[in-house]
Protein backbone atom coordinates (compact mmCIF):
# COMPACT_ATOMS: atom_id res chain seq x y z
CA MET A 1 -18.56 45.04 33.49
CA ARG A 2 -17.10 41.57 32.91
CA VAL A 3 -15.31 39.97 35.86
CA GLY A 4 -13.41 36.69 35.71
CA PHE A 5 -13.48 34.99 39.10
CA LEU A 6 -11.27 32.13 40.31
CA CYS A 7 -10.46 30.62 43.67
CA ASN A 8 -7.48 28.57 44.86
CA PRO A 9 -9.54 26.35 47.17
CA ILE A 10 -6.62 25.11 49.28
CA ALA A 11 -5.03 28.51 49.91
CA GLY A 12 -4.43 29.18 53.61
CA MET A 13 -5.33 25.69 54.83
CA GLY A 14 -1.98 25.21 56.56
CA GLY A 15 -2.18 28.41 58.59
CA ARG A 16 -4.24 27.61 61.65
CA VAL A 17 -2.62 24.22 62.09
CA GLY A 18 0.84 25.78 62.24
CA LEU A 19 2.23 24.83 58.82
CA LYS A 20 2.92 28.42 57.64
CA GLY A 21 1.39 27.62 54.28
CA THR A 22 -0.05 24.82 52.18
CA ASP A 23 2.52 24.38 49.38
CA GLY A 24 3.36 20.68 49.41
CA LYS A 25 1.66 20.29 52.79
CA LEU A 26 -2.00 19.70 51.90
CA ALA A 27 -2.05 16.09 53.13
CA GLU A 28 -0.39 17.04 56.40
CA ALA A 29 -2.76 19.99 56.82
CA ARG A 30 -5.71 17.66 56.39
CA GLU A 31 -4.24 15.19 58.90
CA ARG A 32 -3.99 18.02 61.40
CA GLY A 33 -7.66 18.83 60.91
CA ALA A 34 -7.32 21.89 58.70
CA ASP A 35 -10.48 23.28 57.13
CA PRO A 36 -10.55 25.09 53.79
CA ARG A 37 -10.44 28.85 54.23
CA ALA A 38 -10.49 30.21 50.71
CA PRO A 39 -13.95 28.96 49.58
CA GLU A 40 -15.73 30.74 52.43
CA ARG A 41 -13.84 33.97 51.70
CA ALA A 42 -14.76 33.57 48.04
CA VAL A 43 -18.43 33.45 49.00
CA ARG A 44 -18.00 36.54 51.18
CA ALA A 45 -16.50 38.47 48.28
CA LEU A 46 -19.21 37.38 45.86
CA ARG A 47 -22.03 38.14 48.28
CA ALA A 48 -20.55 41.58 48.82
CA LEU A 49 -20.45 41.96 45.05
CA ALA A 50 -24.15 41.04 44.89
CA ASP A 51 -25.00 43.44 47.73
CA ARG A 52 -23.53 46.31 45.74
CA ASP A 53 -26.16 45.67 43.07
CA ALA A 54 -23.54 46.19 40.39
CA ASP A 55 -24.04 45.37 36.73
CA VAL A 56 -21.51 42.54 36.63
CA ASP A 57 -21.22 39.81 34.03
CA LEU A 58 -19.53 37.09 36.10
CA LEU A 59 -17.35 34.44 34.47
CA VAL A 60 -16.06 31.68 36.75
CA TRP A 61 -13.80 28.64 36.62
CA GLY A 62 -15.48 25.32 37.29
CA GLY A 63 -16.05 23.41 40.52
CA PRO A 64 -14.19 24.53 43.66
CA MET A 65 -12.22 27.10 41.65
CA GLY A 66 -15.17 29.50 41.47
CA GLU A 67 -18.35 27.81 40.31
CA THR A 68 -19.46 26.40 43.66
CA ALA A 69 -18.77 29.71 45.43
CA ALA A 70 -20.86 31.58 42.85
CA ARG A 71 -23.69 29.09 43.35
CA ALA A 72 -23.46 29.39 47.13
CA ALA A 73 -23.52 33.19 46.84
CA GLY A 74 -26.57 33.04 44.56
CA LEU A 75 -24.97 34.92 41.66
CA SER A 76 -25.73 34.35 38.01
CA HIS A 77 -22.56 33.25 36.26
CA GLU A 78 -21.06 31.59 33.22
CA VAL A 79 -18.67 28.66 33.70
CA LEU A 80 -15.88 29.28 31.24
CA GLY A 81 -13.85 26.15 31.95
CA ALA A 82 -12.81 23.78 34.73
CA PRO A 83 -9.68 22.29 36.34
CA GLU A 84 -8.12 19.74 34.03
CA ALA A 85 -8.39 16.86 36.50
CA TYR A 86 -11.76 17.85 37.91
CA ASP A 87 -14.91 15.91 37.09
CA ARG A 88 -17.84 18.33 37.31
CA GLU A 89 -20.38 15.53 37.29
CA THR A 90 -21.48 14.18 40.66
CA ASP A 91 -23.31 11.00 41.62
CA ASP A 92 -26.71 12.67 41.55
CA GLY A 93 -27.48 12.08 37.92
CA GLY A 94 -24.95 14.47 36.45
CA GLU A 95 -26.18 17.66 38.15
CA THR A 96 -23.45 19.95 39.37
CA THR A 97 -23.46 20.81 43.04
CA THR A 98 -25.45 23.79 44.26
CA THR A 99 -23.67 24.11 47.61
CA LEU A 100 -20.21 25.24 48.64
CA ASP A 101 -18.16 22.17 47.68
CA LEU A 102 -15.55 21.33 50.30
CA ASP A 103 -14.96 17.71 49.30
CA PRO A 104 -11.18 17.18 49.85
CA ASP A 105 -10.86 15.15 46.65
CA ARG A 106 -12.32 18.01 44.65
CA LEU A 107 -9.98 20.50 46.31
CA GLU A 108 -6.96 18.36 45.46
CA ALA A 109 -7.96 18.19 41.81
CA THR A 110 -6.69 21.73 41.30
CA GLY A 111 -3.25 23.26 40.91
CA PRO A 112 -1.17 26.19 39.63
CA ASP A 113 -1.62 25.14 35.99
CA ASP A 114 -5.38 25.43 36.46
CA THR A 115 -5.00 28.92 37.90
CA ARG A 116 -2.93 30.03 34.92
CA ALA A 117 -5.36 28.42 32.47
CA ALA A 118 -8.30 30.19 34.09
CA ALA A 119 -6.60 33.59 34.05
CA ARG A 120 -5.63 33.20 30.38
CA ALA A 121 -9.17 32.16 29.47
CA PHE A 122 -10.62 35.16 31.28
CA HIS A 123 -8.27 37.49 29.41
CA GLU A 124 -9.19 35.91 26.09
CA ALA A 125 -12.87 36.37 26.99
CA GLY A 126 -12.28 40.10 27.35
CA VAL A 127 -12.88 40.54 31.06
CA ASP A 128 -12.35 43.93 32.66
CA LEU A 129 -10.86 42.38 35.80
CA VAL A 130 -9.55 39.03 37.03
CA LEU A 131 -10.69 38.67 40.64
CA PHE A 132 -8.93 35.80 42.42
CA VAL A 133 -8.95 34.27 45.89
CA GLY A 134 -5.67 32.97 47.31
CA GLY A 135 -2.26 34.01 48.53
CA ASP A 136 1.02 35.12 47.00
CA GLY A 137 1.51 31.86 45.09
CA THR A 138 -1.89 32.27 43.46
CA ALA A 139 -1.11 35.90 42.69
CA ALA A 140 2.15 34.87 41.01
CA ASP A 141 0.31 32.33 38.84
CA VAL A 142 -2.33 34.86 37.78
CA ALA A 143 0.32 37.49 37.06
CA ALA A 144 2.30 35.02 34.94
CA ALA A 145 -0.79 34.21 32.89
CA LEU A 146 -1.59 37.89 32.35
CA ASP A 147 2.00 38.91 31.61
CA GLY A 148 2.17 41.02 28.48
CA THR A 149 -1.46 42.09 28.76
CA GLU A 150 -3.13 45.07 30.40
CA THR A 151 -5.91 43.02 31.99
CA PRO A 152 -5.93 44.04 35.66
CA MET A 153 -5.99 41.59 38.57
CA LEU A 154 -7.18 41.94 42.15
CA GLY A 155 -6.74 39.52 45.05
CA VAL A 156 -9.09 38.46 47.81
CA PRO A 157 -6.61 37.55 50.58
CA ALA A 158 -6.85 33.93 51.71
CA GLY A 159 -3.27 32.67 51.98
CA VAL A 160 -1.02 32.46 55.03
CA LYS A 161 1.57 34.74 53.50
CA VAL A 162 0.18 37.77 51.71
CA TYR A 163 3.10 39.99 50.79
CA SER A 164 2.11 41.24 47.33
CA ALA A 165 0.60 44.65 46.70
CA VAL A 166 -2.24 43.23 44.59
CA PHE A 167 -4.65 42.29 47.40
CA ALA A 168 -7.62 44.14 48.81
CA VAL A 169 -7.72 44.50 52.58
CA SER A 170 -10.70 42.13 52.95
CA PRO A 171 -13.18 40.16 50.79
CA GLU A 172 -15.71 42.95 51.15
CA ASP A 173 -13.17 45.56 50.14
CA ALA A 174 -12.33 43.48 47.07
CA ALA A 175 -15.97 43.70 45.98
CA ALA A 176 -15.95 47.46 46.47
CA VAL A 177 -12.77 47.88 44.45
CA ALA A 178 -14.03 45.62 41.67
CA THR A 179 -17.13 47.75 41.17
CA GLN A 180 -15.63 51.22 41.70
CA PHE A 181 -12.16 51.47 40.17
CA ASP A 182 -11.63 53.66 37.14
CA ARG A 183 -7.88 53.32 36.58
CA THR A 184 -5.03 50.91 37.21
CA GLU A 185 -1.34 51.01 38.02
CA ARG A 186 1.48 48.50 37.86
CA ARG A 187 2.24 46.80 41.18
CA GLU A 188 4.68 44.15 42.35
CA VAL A 189 3.81 40.51 42.91
CA THR A 190 6.13 38.85 45.41
CA ASP A 191 6.34 35.41 46.99
CA ILE A 192 8.55 33.60 49.47
CA ASP A 193 9.85 30.05 49.68
CA GLU A 194 7.57 28.31 52.19
CA ASP A 195 10.24 25.80 53.26
CA GLU A 196 12.60 28.66 54.11
CA TYR A 197 9.69 30.51 55.74
CA ARG A 198 9.04 27.53 58.03
CA GLU A 199 12.69 27.73 59.09
CA GLY A 200 12.31 31.41 59.94
CA ALA A 201 13.87 32.95 56.81
CA VAL A 202 11.73 35.55 55.07
CA HIS A 203 13.10 36.62 51.70
CA PRO A 204 10.35 37.99 49.43
CA GLU A 205 11.27 37.64 45.78
CA LEU A 206 9.75 39.55 42.89
CA GLN A 207 7.58 37.23 40.78
CA GLY A 208 6.13 39.76 38.38
CA VAL A 209 4.45 43.09 37.86
CA ALA A 210 0.73 43.33 37.21
CA PHE A 211 -1.90 45.95 36.50
CA VAL A 212 -4.00 46.49 39.63
CA PRO A 213 -6.92 48.86 40.39
CA VAL A 214 -5.90 52.09 42.11
CA THR A 215 -7.62 52.47 45.49
CA ASP A 216 -6.91 53.01 49.17
CA ARG A 217 -8.63 49.68 49.87
CA LEU A 218 -5.51 47.90 48.60
CA GLN A 219 -2.77 46.82 50.98
CA SER A 220 0.81 47.95 50.53
CA SER A 221 3.62 45.57 49.81
CA LYS A 222 5.38 44.07 52.81
CA GLN A 223 8.28 46.19 53.96
CA SER A 224 10.44 45.70 57.01
CA GLY A 225 10.27 48.31 59.73
CA GLY A 226 13.40 49.62 61.39
CA GLY A 227 14.20 51.05 64.81
CA THR A 228 15.30 49.55 68.12
CA VAL A 229 12.86 47.56 70.20
CA GLU A 230 14.94 46.87 73.31
CA SER A 231 13.06 49.26 75.60
CA LEU A 232 9.74 48.11 74.19
CA ALA A 233 10.64 44.48 74.84
CA ALA A 234 11.76 45.30 78.36
CA GLY A 235 8.43 46.98 79.05
CA VAL A 236 6.43 43.96 77.92
CA ALA A 237 8.67 41.58 79.89
CA ASP A 238 8.36 43.68 83.06
CA GLU A 239 4.59 43.60 82.80
CA ALA A 240 4.56 39.84 82.14
CA ARG A 241 6.70 39.15 85.21
CA ASP A 242 4.39 41.32 87.30
CA HIS A 243 1.45 39.09 86.31
CA PRO A 244 2.61 35.47 86.88
CA GLU A 245 -0.98 34.22 86.70
CA ARG A 246 -1.48 35.53 83.17
CA THR A 247 -0.99 33.43 80.03
CA TYR A 248 0.87 35.33 77.31
CA VAL A 249 0.43 34.42 73.65
CA LEU A 250 3.32 35.98 71.75
CA GLY A 251 2.95 36.39 68.01
CA PRO A 252 5.52 36.15 65.22
CA GLY A 253 7.97 38.76 63.98
CA SER A 254 11.29 40.33 64.92
CA THR A 255 9.71 42.72 67.43
CA LEU A 256 8.15 39.85 69.35
CA ALA A 257 11.42 37.92 69.02
CA ALA A 258 13.00 40.68 71.11
CA VAL A 259 10.22 40.33 73.69
CA LYS A 260 10.76 36.57 73.87
CA ALA A 261 14.51 37.05 74.28
CA GLU A 262 13.85 39.51 77.12
CA LEU A 263 11.72 36.84 78.77
CA GLY A 264 14.67 34.48 78.53
CA PHE A 265 13.89 32.14 75.67
CA GLU A 266 14.37 31.83 71.93
CA GLY A 267 10.95 31.67 70.36
CA SER A 268 9.89 30.50 66.95
CA PRO A 269 10.65 33.47 64.66
CA ILE A 270 7.53 33.16 62.53
CA GLY A 271 5.36 31.15 64.91
CA VAL A 272 3.23 31.79 67.98
CA ASP A 273 4.65 30.94 71.41
CA VAL A 274 2.95 30.68 74.82
CA TRP A 275 4.59 31.84 78.08
CA ARG A 276 3.39 31.95 81.68
CA ASP A 277 5.21 32.61 84.95
CA GLY A 278 8.71 32.01 83.60
CA GLU A 279 7.80 28.88 81.67
CA VAL A 280 7.45 28.37 77.92
CA LEU A 281 4.25 26.36 77.56
CA ALA A 282 4.43 25.95 73.79
CA ARG A 283 6.58 26.92 70.82
CA ASP A 284 5.13 27.39 67.36
CA ALA A 285 1.65 26.56 68.62
CA ASP A 286 -1.27 25.93 66.31
CA GLU A 287 -4.86 27.01 66.98
CA ALA A 288 -5.81 23.81 68.82
CA THR A 289 -2.81 24.07 71.16
CA LEU A 290 -3.55 27.71 71.91
CA LEU A 291 -7.17 26.97 72.78
CA GLU A 292 -6.01 24.16 75.08
CA LEU A 293 -3.49 26.35 76.93
CA LEU A 294 -5.54 29.52 77.35
CA ASP A 295 -6.92 30.16 80.83
CA PRO A 296 -10.64 29.29 80.73
CA ASP A 297 -11.30 32.15 83.18
CA GLY A 298 -9.97 34.63 80.65
CA ASP A 299 -6.68 35.87 82.16
CA ASN A 300 -4.91 35.72 78.82
CA GLU A 301 -3.09 38.30 76.73
CA ILE A 302 -2.16 38.19 73.06
CA VAL A 303 0.83 40.37 72.14
CA VAL A 304 1.23 41.10 68.45
CA THR A 305 2.99 43.56 66.19
CA PRO A 306 1.63 44.94 62.91
CA ILE A 307 3.26 43.92 59.66
CA GLY A 308 5.56 46.70 58.52
CA GLY A 309 4.31 48.62 55.50
CA GLN A 310 0.88 46.96 55.67
CA GLY A 311 -0.36 47.48 59.21
CA PHE A 312 -2.14 44.16 59.64
CA VAL A 313 -2.43 43.09 63.28
CA PHE A 314 -4.43 39.92 62.58
CA GLY A 315 -5.00 38.08 59.32
CA ARG A 316 -1.53 38.16 57.78
CA GLY A 317 1.14 35.73 58.94
CA ASN A 318 -0.61 34.70 62.16
CA PRO A 319 -3.76 32.68 61.29
CA GLN A 320 -3.13 30.52 64.37
CA LEU A 321 -4.59 33.51 66.21
CA SER A 322 -8.06 32.61 65.07
CA PRO A 323 -11.30 34.33 66.13
CA ALA A 324 -11.80 31.66 68.81
CA VAL A 325 -8.34 32.41 70.24
CA ILE A 326 -8.71 36.19 70.04
CA ARG A 327 -12.09 36.14 71.79
CA ARG A 328 -10.50 34.47 74.83
CA ALA A 329 -7.83 37.10 75.40
CA ASP A 330 -6.97 40.75 75.74
CA VAL A 331 -4.91 42.13 72.87
CA SER A 332 -1.74 44.22 73.20
CA ILE A 333 -0.06 45.75 70.17
CA VAL A 334 3.62 46.66 70.12
CA ALA A 335 5.73 48.29 67.40
CA SER A 336 8.86 50.34 66.95
CA ARG A 337 8.45 54.04 66.30
CA ASP A 338 10.02 53.67 62.86
CA LYS A 339 7.48 51.03 61.88
CA LEU A 340 4.59 53.23 62.97
CA ASP A 341 6.02 56.21 61.09
CA ASP A 342 5.16 54.34 57.88
CA LEU A 343 1.66 53.41 59.04
CA HIS A 344 -1.36 55.70 59.22
CA VAL A 345 -3.87 53.04 60.28
CA LEU A 346 -3.94 49.39 61.33
CA HIS A 347 -5.98 46.56 59.85
CA VAL A 348 -7.52 43.27 60.96
CA ASP A 349 -8.88 40.46 58.77
CA THR A 350 -9.78 37.59 61.09
CA ASP A 351 -12.30 35.71 58.89
CA ASP A 352 -14.99 36.93 61.32
CA PRO A 353 -16.51 40.27 60.21
CA GLU A 354 -18.26 40.71 63.56
CA LEU A 355 -14.97 40.33 65.43
CA ASP A 356 -13.26 42.69 62.96
CA GLU A 357 -15.90 45.28 63.80
CA THR A 358 -15.35 44.73 67.53
CA LEU A 359 -11.60 45.20 67.18
CA ALA A 360 -11.94 48.37 65.08
CA GLY A 361 -11.31 51.77 66.62
CA TRP A 362 -8.53 53.62 68.40
CA VAL A 363 -5.98 51.47 70.22
CA LYS A 364 -2.81 52.04 72.21
CA VAL A 365 0.38 50.75 70.62
CA ARG A 366 3.38 50.32 72.91
CA VAL A 367 6.44 51.95 71.33
CA GLY A 368 8.80 51.98 74.34
CA ARG A 369 9.17 50.81 77.90
CA PHE A 370 6.46 53.18 79.06
CA GLU A 371 5.49 55.15 75.94
CA THR A 372 2.44 54.42 73.80
CA ARG A 373 0.99 55.88 70.63
CA MET A 374 -2.64 55.93 69.54
CA LEU A 375 -3.48 54.41 66.18
CA LYS A 376 -6.79 53.44 64.62
CA ILE A 377 -7.80 49.97 63.45
CA VAL A 378 -10.01 50.36 60.37
């Protein structure tokens, strides 16, 4: 099996520092101390591919767009090309790096044109699958390059916004799909305007249709859930008022917007807000702010709602809620009944497989003022 592998090395960098994405915000993300997310997830996917002992002929794009991840994962590979503005030679006598390359200058020497060039080259090389690491913008670029072909594509999720139905649930699941699928189907690739997203407007737009492996390890496209949440919000607010010593971290989404309104403030619609004892401690907080505000003795609670149609509790749309933040708090999940009617299971993808395993299992989901429903995190 021939797999073409590419990575958007800056995908998701703006998430934990509160930028809701990286499009046009790379410099600001770096100023805020953002670390690259995608390269590490690329290595996870490739190591999982190696662990499956599959007969894979791996083609990669040069430098931080695939080559360095393949080297770090210890996989044999062929470098088919490189980003146009990227110099593969280093200062050590012309040898290419053998470690995961996170040099900011190398990351910046990549762009959408490079993604499209890589995907086209993989198709022309006759690959059986284009496996990419990134978010919806990367997916749209790959889909555009493969338009008019039947070469399938599969995403390793690494972006802040992951709405398209072309992504595996996790890097490890992507490796499983890549080595097991035997048929494909056409699925939608969608993206949203990040500037509008930062203002709280979420309008997914169709960017293309691509062939994608058929498997239950793929996420569904983002769909909005219906149903009233007034009683649910009242229940959360009652509990919060009964515990004035507790710090509440309230995630994004319309369901949590109702909770925030019930607590008496207008929160950031797609950000994370912090509330304690009638006071808003932070709006649209990034990871660093959350870690600063959380009670060091552990009386903290994160309240989140799963993404409708997908079921992700962590790892889609709320990267500010990092593993370090989650480990310092209890987790409460809330959702309308209508949203849960479309979900059979919940998912987490925190960038920390050990934490994902800890979070897995049956959980209570509040669906009303007093009512709960059991659902499983897998």
